[in-house]
Amino acid sequence: MKKDTETIYQSVLRRNFTRREFVKMCAVLTASMGLDYSQNNTVVKAMEVSKRVPVIWLQLQDCTGCSESFIRSSHPKIESVLFDMISLEYTEALSAASGHQIEEARKHVIENYPGEYVLAVEGSIPIHDEYLMIGGVSAKQTLLESAKHAKAILAYGSCSSWGGIPAAYPNPTGAKPITDLIKDKPIVRVPGCPPIAEVMTGVIAHLITFGTIPELDHHGRPKAFYRHRVHDKCNRRAYFDAGLFAESFDDEGAKQGYCLYKMGCKGPTTYNSCAEMRWNGGVSYPIQSGNPCIGCSESNFWDNGPFYTRMAEIPATQTTINPEMVGAGIVGAAAVGIAVHAGVTAFQKHKDSSKEGDE
């Protein structure tokens, strides 16, 4: 049996895994895609008939951080992704071949699997060709050639999604996100610097399972992983609601685990799964480890600084503040909102007291 005709299930069995272990793998995939466990049978059936998907992974203006994150996936394990789910045909970082041999492998996929392969792009695209050439071909030309017959495109990381650090001021290379160059293909933005490993594998798993890209938000990000702000699920949220904030990295508040908003945390304006899925197999994430969120999954995050600096005064303490109302230029509005909230609360308490007296 040719490996390129194998289903994912057949590939798993060939590697001496049992049916039970295969079903367990599917359960992990179901969770990693943000699906309810009731859909596990759907995933199992899809994995039984779906073939391994050829993948071309381009690395353009990047730091290799996205690749580094990807190979550290633990749910599912990266070996399951690489050996059972996908056929990673081209990647500069992980390929044994190099030079003409690896470029021929990329062209082979384009020619032999039109409409079947997935293109993953890491890094931004320099508009000025002289800044990045691959095998004598500009990064822009390489991208357009690879995208022409792709089934779907995954923009891995903030650089390919938004432009990232290369596009930060003064942007000498004219760095652009891939959406500025490609308009006729389904593109999934998976931003982050880098993205969470299980988010990256979860998006690929959805493509393989259902044959389509996952449901996206208005920015083109998968809703399953970017539907909440980091602030919404933050382990320090109770301290924010109580008005308890760390003022510096070494004060008593920081030692007690107080909210890091005053230290420039951008959790209230950043959409990502950091607080839910966490990093390194669910061990921790920056805020839990004592570092404010820098908003790395948001557009232009590098120019939205300075980092670790409070961008607005918080108008009151020991109260709940809506983070979407806290910001430079609308502090007064936030203060009015707090006053109204306090007045309504006092009125409700008085009303309840009157009822008790009447009874």
Protein backbone atom coordinates (compact mmCIF):
# COMPACT_ATOMS: atom_id res chain seq x y z
CA MET A 1 0.00 0.00 0.00
CA LYS A 2 1.40 3.42 -0.91
CA LYS A 3 1.74 5.75 2.02
CA ASP A 4 0.05 8.60 0.14
CA THR A 5 -3.11 6.46 -0.26
CA GLU A 6 -3.29 5.46 3.40
CA THR A 7 -6.01 6.78 5.62
CA ILE A 8 -5.01 8.23 8.97
CA TYR A 9 -6.42 5.16 10.69
CA GLN A 10 -4.33 2.84 8.51
CA SER A 11 -1.25 4.91 9.21
CA VAL A 12 -1.85 4.59 12.96
CA LEU A 13 -2.25 0.81 12.74
CA ARG A 14 0.88 0.51 10.62
CA ARG A 15 2.81 2.10 13.46
CA ASN A 16 1.61 -0.69 15.78
CA PHE A 17 -1.01 1.32 17.65
CA THR A 18 -4.19 -0.40 18.77
CA ARG A 19 -7.77 0.54 17.94
CA ARG A 20 -8.18 1.68 21.55
CA GLU A 21 -5.19 4.00 21.27
CA PHE A 22 -6.57 5.36 18.00
CA VAL A 23 -9.89 6.22 19.67
CA LYS A 24 -8.01 7.91 22.50
CA MET A 25 -6.10 9.97 19.95
CA CYS A 26 -9.40 11.03 18.39
CA ALA A 27 -10.73 12.07 21.80
CA VAL A 28 -7.70 14.32 22.26
CA LEU A 29 -8.23 15.76 18.79
CA THR A 30 -11.87 16.49 19.61
CA ALA A 31 -10.82 18.48 22.66
CA SER A 32 -7.97 20.21 20.82
CA MET A 33 -10.42 21.48 18.18
CA GLY A 34 -12.60 23.05 20.86
CA LEU A 35 -15.43 20.60 20.15
CA ASP A 36 -17.84 19.00 22.59
CA TYR A 37 -17.00 15.41 23.53
CA SER A 38 -20.32 14.31 21.99
CA GLN A 39 -18.70 14.88 18.58
CA ASN A 40 -15.95 12.36 19.25
CA ASN A 41 -17.64 9.70 17.10
CA THR A 42 -17.70 12.14 14.19
CA VAL A 43 -13.96 12.65 14.56
CA VAL A 44 -13.32 8.90 14.76
CA LYS A 45 -15.27 8.26 11.54
CA ALA A 46 -13.47 11.12 9.77
CA MET A 47 -10.05 9.81 10.80
CA GLU A 48 -10.99 6.35 9.49
CA VAL A 49 -11.57 7.61 5.96
CA SER A 50 -9.45 10.76 5.73
CA LYS A 51 -6.04 10.59 4.12
CA ARG A 52 -2.92 12.25 5.43
CA VAL A 53 -2.79 15.81 4.13
CA PRO A 54 0.31 17.09 2.31
CA VAL A 55 1.62 20.29 3.90
CA ILE A 56 3.99 22.94 2.57
CA TRP A 57 5.36 25.11 5.38
CA LEU A 58 7.00 28.36 4.27
CA GLN A 59 9.27 30.32 6.58
CA LEU A 60 9.60 33.89 5.40
CA GLN A 61 10.47 36.89 7.61
CA ASP A 62 10.28 34.96 10.86
CA CYS A 63 12.28 33.94 13.92
CA THR A 64 11.32 30.23 13.69
CA GLY A 65 9.32 30.67 16.91
CA CYS A 66 6.14 29.28 15.34
CA SER A 67 7.92 26.11 14.22
CA GLU A 68 9.48 25.79 17.67
CA SER A 69 6.05 26.07 19.27
CA PHE A 70 4.47 23.62 16.82
CA ILE A 71 6.92 20.79 17.56
CA ARG A 72 6.14 21.11 21.27
CA SER A 73 2.50 20.16 20.93
CA SER A 74 1.54 17.65 23.61
CA HIS A 75 -2.24 17.27 23.01
CA PRO A 76 -2.01 15.74 20.42
CA LYS A 77 1.67 14.83 20.53
CA ILE A 78 3.65 16.20 17.64
CA GLU A 79 4.65 12.73 16.41
CA SER A 80 0.95 11.89 15.94
CA VAL A 81 0.50 15.05 13.90
CA LEU A 82 3.59 14.55 11.75
CA PHE A 83 3.39 10.79 11.21
CA ASP A 84 -0.34 10.10 11.26
CA MET A 85 -2.29 13.23 10.33
CA ILE A 86 -0.18 15.21 7.89
CA SER A 87 2.67 14.66 5.47
CA LEU A 88 5.03 17.58 6.02
CA GLU A 89 6.60 17.74 2.57
CA TYR A 90 8.44 21.05 2.82
CA THR A 91 9.85 23.01 5.72
CA GLU A 92 13.20 24.73 5.97
CA ALA A 93 13.56 24.05 9.69
CA LEU A 94 12.68 20.34 9.87
CA SER A 95 13.57 18.94 6.45
CA ALA A 96 16.64 16.71 6.12
CA ALA A 97 17.13 17.82 2.53
CA SER A 98 18.21 21.30 1.48
CA GLY A 99 18.91 23.39 -1.59
CA HIS A 100 17.59 22.11 -4.92
CA GLN A 101 16.30 18.87 -3.39
CA ILE A 102 13.93 20.54 -0.93
CA GLU A 103 12.73 23.06 -3.53
CA GLU A 104 11.90 20.17 -5.86
CA ALA A 105 9.86 18.58 -3.05
CA ARG A 106 7.77 21.77 -2.79
CA LYS A 107 7.15 21.87 -6.53
CA HIS A 108 6.27 18.16 -6.50
CA VAL A 109 3.45 18.79 -4.02
CA ILE A 110 2.12 21.75 -6.01
CA GLU A 111 2.05 19.73 -9.24
CA ASN A 112 0.79 16.40 -7.88
CA TYR A 113 -1.70 17.45 -5.19
CA PRO A 114 -3.55 20.49 -6.61
CA GLY A 115 -6.44 21.47 -4.38
CA GLU A 116 -5.42 18.90 -1.76
CA TYR A 117 -2.43 20.31 0.07
CA VAL A 118 -2.41 22.85 2.89
CA LEU A 119 -0.04 25.81 2.87
CA ALA A 120 1.25 26.98 6.25
CA VAL A 121 3.03 30.33 6.28
CA GLU A 122 5.28 31.54 9.06
CA GLY A 123 6.64 35.08 8.84
CA SER A 124 5.68 38.23 6.97
CA ILE A 125 6.28 38.95 3.29
CA PRO A 126 8.76 41.66 2.29
CA ILE A 127 7.41 43.75 -0.56
CA HIS A 128 10.98 44.70 -1.48
CA ASP A 129 12.26 41.47 -3.03
CA GLU A 130 15.93 42.03 -2.26
CA TYR A 131 15.38 41.50 1.46
CA LEU A 132 14.51 37.80 1.19
CA MET A 133 15.29 35.32 -1.57
CA ILE A 134 14.77 31.55 -1.38
CA GLY A 135 16.68 29.48 -3.93
CA GLY A 136 17.07 32.56 -6.09
CA VAL A 137 13.33 33.31 -5.97
CA SER A 138 11.79 36.17 -4.01
CA ALA A 139 9.71 35.40 -0.92
CA LYS A 140 6.69 37.04 -2.54
CA GLN A 141 6.97 34.90 -5.69
CA THR A 142 7.50 31.74 -3.61
CA LEU A 143 4.35 32.50 -1.61
CA LEU A 144 2.18 33.20 -4.64
CA GLU A 145 3.45 30.08 -6.42
CA SER A 146 2.81 27.87 -3.39
CA ALA A 147 -0.63 29.37 -2.69
CA LYS A 148 -1.97 29.00 -6.25
CA HIS A 149 -3.25 25.43 -5.89
CA ALA A 150 -3.53 25.19 -2.08
CA LYS A 151 -6.73 23.92 -0.50
CA ALA A 152 -6.38 26.39 2.37
CA ILE A 153 -3.74 28.63 3.91
CA LEU A 154 -2.78 28.83 7.57
CA ALA A 155 -1.19 32.10 8.67
CA TYR A 156 0.82 30.86 11.64
CA GLY A 157 1.96 33.61 13.99
CA SER A 158 1.48 37.35 14.20
CA CYS A 159 4.02 38.05 11.45
CA SER A 160 2.09 36.23 8.72
CA SER A 161 -1.27 37.24 10.25
CA TRP A 162 -0.66 40.96 10.78
CA GLY A 163 2.89 41.75 9.67
CA GLY A 164 4.31 41.35 13.19
CA ILE A 165 7.71 42.61 14.28
CA PRO A 166 9.08 42.95 10.71
CA ALA A 167 6.21 45.36 9.94
CA ALA A 168 6.87 47.48 13.03
CA TYR A 169 7.99 51.05 12.48
CA PRO A 170 9.90 51.96 10.35
CA ASN A 171 9.31 48.70 8.41
CA PRO A 172 12.30 48.92 6.05
CA THR A 173 11.38 45.70 4.17
CA GLY A 174 7.80 46.79 3.49
CA ALA A 175 6.62 43.73 5.42
CA LYS A 176 3.01 42.72 4.83
CA PRO A 177 0.68 39.98 6.11
CA ILE A 178 -0.24 37.28 3.61
CA THR A 179 -3.82 38.55 3.39
CA ASP A 180 -2.51 41.64 1.58
CA LEU A 181 -1.22 39.48 -1.26
CA ILE A 182 -3.67 36.56 -1.42
CA LYS A 183 -7.37 37.25 -1.89
CA ASP A 184 -8.72 34.12 -3.59
CA LYS A 185 -8.01 31.41 -1.01
CA PRO A 186 -9.51 30.57 2.39
CA ILE A 187 -7.04 31.88 4.97
CA VAL A 188 -7.05 31.11 8.68
CA ARG A 189 -5.20 33.58 10.88
CA VAL A 190 -3.57 31.91 13.89
CA PRO A 191 -1.85 34.88 15.53
CA GLY A 192 0.49 34.85 18.49
CA CYS A 193 4.20 35.37 18.98
CA PRO A 194 4.26 32.42 18.73
CA PRO A 195 0.80 30.79 18.76
CA ILE A 196 0.02 28.10 21.32
CA ALA A 197 1.15 24.71 19.99
CA GLU A 198 -2.21 23.00 20.56
CA VAL A 199 -4.02 25.83 18.77
CA MET A 200 -1.81 25.28 15.73
CA THR A 201 -2.42 21.53 15.68
CA GLY A 202 -6.11 22.01 16.50
CA VAL A 203 -6.65 24.09 13.36
CA ILE A 204 -4.96 21.48 11.17
CA ALA A 205 -6.98 18.72 12.86
CA HIS A 206 -10.20 20.55 12.01
CA LEU A 207 -9.18 20.85 8.38
CA ILE A 208 -8.43 17.14 8.17
CA THR A 209 -11.53 16.04 10.06
CA PHE A 210 -14.17 18.14 8.35
CA GLY A 211 -12.43 19.06 5.09
CA THR A 212 -13.12 22.75 5.68
CA ILE A 213 -11.59 25.58 7.68
CA PRO A 214 -13.03 26.16 11.18
CA GLU A 215 -15.57 28.87 11.93
CA LEU A 216 -13.78 32.24 11.93
CA ASP A 217 -14.39 35.58 13.64
CA HIS A 218 -14.47 38.89 11.78
CA HIS A 219 -10.66 39.02 11.81
CA GLY A 220 -10.32 35.59 10.22
CA ARG A 221 -9.28 33.81 13.45
CA PRO A 222 -10.79 30.47 14.54
CA LYS A 223 -13.53 31.23 17.05
CA ALA A 224 -12.80 28.09 19.05
CA PHE A 225 -9.48 29.57 20.17
CA TYR A 226 -9.91 33.35 19.90
CA ARG A 227 -13.45 33.86 21.21
CA HIS A 228 -12.40 35.14 24.65
CA ARG A 229 -10.10 37.85 25.87
CA VAL A 230 -7.20 36.65 27.99
CA HIS A 231 -8.71 38.85 30.71
CA ASP A 232 -12.00 36.90 30.68
CA LYS A 233 -10.39 33.65 31.84
CA CYS A 234 -7.41 35.09 33.71
CA ASN A 235 -6.48 33.45 37.02
CA ARG A 236 -5.95 36.99 38.43
CA ARG A 237 -9.39 38.27 37.36
CA ALA A 238 -10.80 38.19 40.89
CA TYR A 239 -8.10 40.66 41.98
CA PHE A 240 -8.98 42.97 39.09
CA ASP A 241 -12.64 42.89 40.13
CA ALA A 242 -11.61 43.65 43.72
CA GLY A 243 -9.39 46.55 42.65
CA LEU A 244 -6.21 44.86 43.89
CA PHE A 245 -3.22 45.59 41.63
CA ALA A 246 0.52 44.99 41.67
CA GLU A 247 2.39 48.29 41.28
CA SER A 248 5.80 46.80 40.47
CA PHE A 249 7.36 43.41 39.83
CA ASP A 250 8.72 43.13 43.35
CA ASP A 251 6.05 44.73 45.55
CA GLU A 252 3.82 42.86 47.97
CA GLY A 253 0.93 42.84 45.49
CA ALA A 254 3.04 41.00 42.92
CA LYS A 255 4.01 38.44 45.56
CA GLN A 256 0.35 37.91 46.40
CA GLY A 257 -0.58 37.39 42.75
CA TYR A 258 -2.56 40.63 42.32
CA CYS A 259 -3.76 41.86 38.91
CA LEU A 260 -1.02 43.14 36.57
CA TYR A 261 -3.17 45.73 34.76
CA LYS A 262 -1.31 48.69 36.26
CA MET A 263 1.92 47.20 34.97
CA GLY A 264 0.72 47.39 31.40
CA CYS A 265 -1.09 44.06 31.04
CA LYS A 266 -3.03 43.99 27.75
CA GLY A 267 -5.16 40.99 28.70
CA PRO A 268 -8.38 43.08 28.62
CA THR A 269 -7.87 43.85 24.91
CA THR A 270 -6.19 40.64 23.70
CA TYR A 271 -8.07 37.65 22.27
CA ASN A 272 -6.32 34.31 22.73
CA SER A 273 -6.55 30.98 24.58
CA CYS A 274 -3.54 31.55 26.84
CA ALA A 275 -5.53 31.49 30.09
CA GLU A 276 -7.60 28.46 29.02
CA MET A 277 -5.09 26.18 27.27
CA ARG A 278 -1.85 27.59 28.69
CA TRP A 279 1.60 26.66 27.45
CA ASN A 280 3.98 23.71 27.60
CA GLY A 281 1.28 21.10 27.96
CA GLY A 282 -0.98 23.31 30.08
CA VAL A 283 1.65 24.16 32.71
CA SER A 284 1.36 27.95 32.76
CA TYR A 285 1.08 31.14 30.71
CA PRO A 286 2.77 34.58 31.01
CA ILE A 287 0.30 36.21 33.42
CA GLN A 288 0.23 33.18 35.70
CA SER A 289 4.03 33.28 35.73
CA GLY A 290 4.08 36.95 36.76
CA ASN A 291 4.52 38.70 33.41
CA PRO A 292 1.88 41.09 32.00
CA CYS A 293 0.29 40.16 28.68
CA ILE A 294 1.92 42.17 25.86
CA GLY A 295 -0.94 41.52 23.42
CA CYS A 296 1.22 39.54 21.00
CA SER A 297 -1.73 38.02 19.14
CA GLU A 298 -3.23 41.41 18.26
CA SER A 299 -2.53 43.49 15.17
CA ASN A 300 0.44 45.90 15.41
CA PHE A 301 1.24 44.69 18.93
CA TRP A 302 4.88 45.73 18.62
CA ASP A 303 3.89 49.37 17.97
CA ASN A 304 1.10 49.37 20.57
CA GLY A 305 3.58 49.89 23.40
CA PRO A 306 5.41 50.74 25.40
CA PHE A 307 5.31 47.37 27.15
CA TYR A 308 5.01 47.14 30.95
CA THR A 309 3.61 50.68 31.12
CA ARG A 310 0.15 51.55 32.36
CA MET A 311 -1.61 53.33 29.51
CA ALA A 312 -4.41 54.83 31.63
CA GLU A 313 -5.15 55.57 35.27
CA ILE A 314 -7.77 53.39 36.90
CA PRO A 315 -10.28 55.83 38.39
CA ALA A 316 -11.21 53.86 41.52
CA THR A 317 -10.18 50.86 43.58
CA GLN A 318 -12.03 48.10 45.41
CA THR A 319 -14.64 48.00 42.68
CA THR A 320 -15.42 46.16 39.46
CA ILE A 321 -14.25 48.05 36.36
CA ASN A 322 -15.23 47.20 32.84
CA PRO A 323 -11.86 46.89 31.05
CA GLU A 324 -13.39 47.89 27.73
CA MET A 325 -14.20 51.29 29.27
CA VAL A 326 -10.77 51.83 30.78
CA GLY A 327 -8.47 53.64 28.40
CA ALA A 328 -6.78 56.91 27.65
CA GLY A 329 -9.38 59.48 26.67
CA ILE A 330 -12.40 57.78 28.33
CA VAL A 331 -11.32 57.62 31.96
CA GLY A 332 -14.03 60.14 32.81
CA ALA A 333 -16.68 57.94 31.22
CA ALA A 334 -15.45 55.00 33.24
CA ALA A 335 -15.69 57.01 36.44
CA VAL A 336 -19.29 57.99 35.63
CA GLY A 337 -20.12 54.35 34.94
CA ILE A 338 -18.72 53.33 38.30
CA ALA A 339 -20.73 56.04 40.07
CA VAL A 340 -23.95 54.92 38.36
CA HIS A 341 -23.22 51.29 39.24
CA ALA A 342 -22.70 52.26 42.87
CA GLY A 343 -25.93 54.29 42.88
CA VAL A 344 -27.98 51.48 41.38
CA THR A 345 -26.53 49.02 43.89
CA ALA A 346 -27.37 51.33 46.80
CA PHE A 347 -30.92 51.86 45.48
CA GLN A 348 -31.46 48.11 45.10
CA LYS A 349 -30.25 47.48 48.66
CA HIS A 350 -32.62 50.19 49.97
CA LYS A 351 -35.49 48.68 47.98
CA ASP A 352 -34.78 45.23 49.36
CA SER A 353 -34.59 46.62 52.92
CA SER A 354 -37.97 48.35 52.49
CA LYS A 355 -39.57 45.10 51.34
CA GLU A 356 -38.23 43.29 54.38
CA GLY A 357 -39.63 46.04 56.64
CA ASP A 358 -43.07 45.83 55.03
CA GLU A 359 -43.14 42.09 55.54
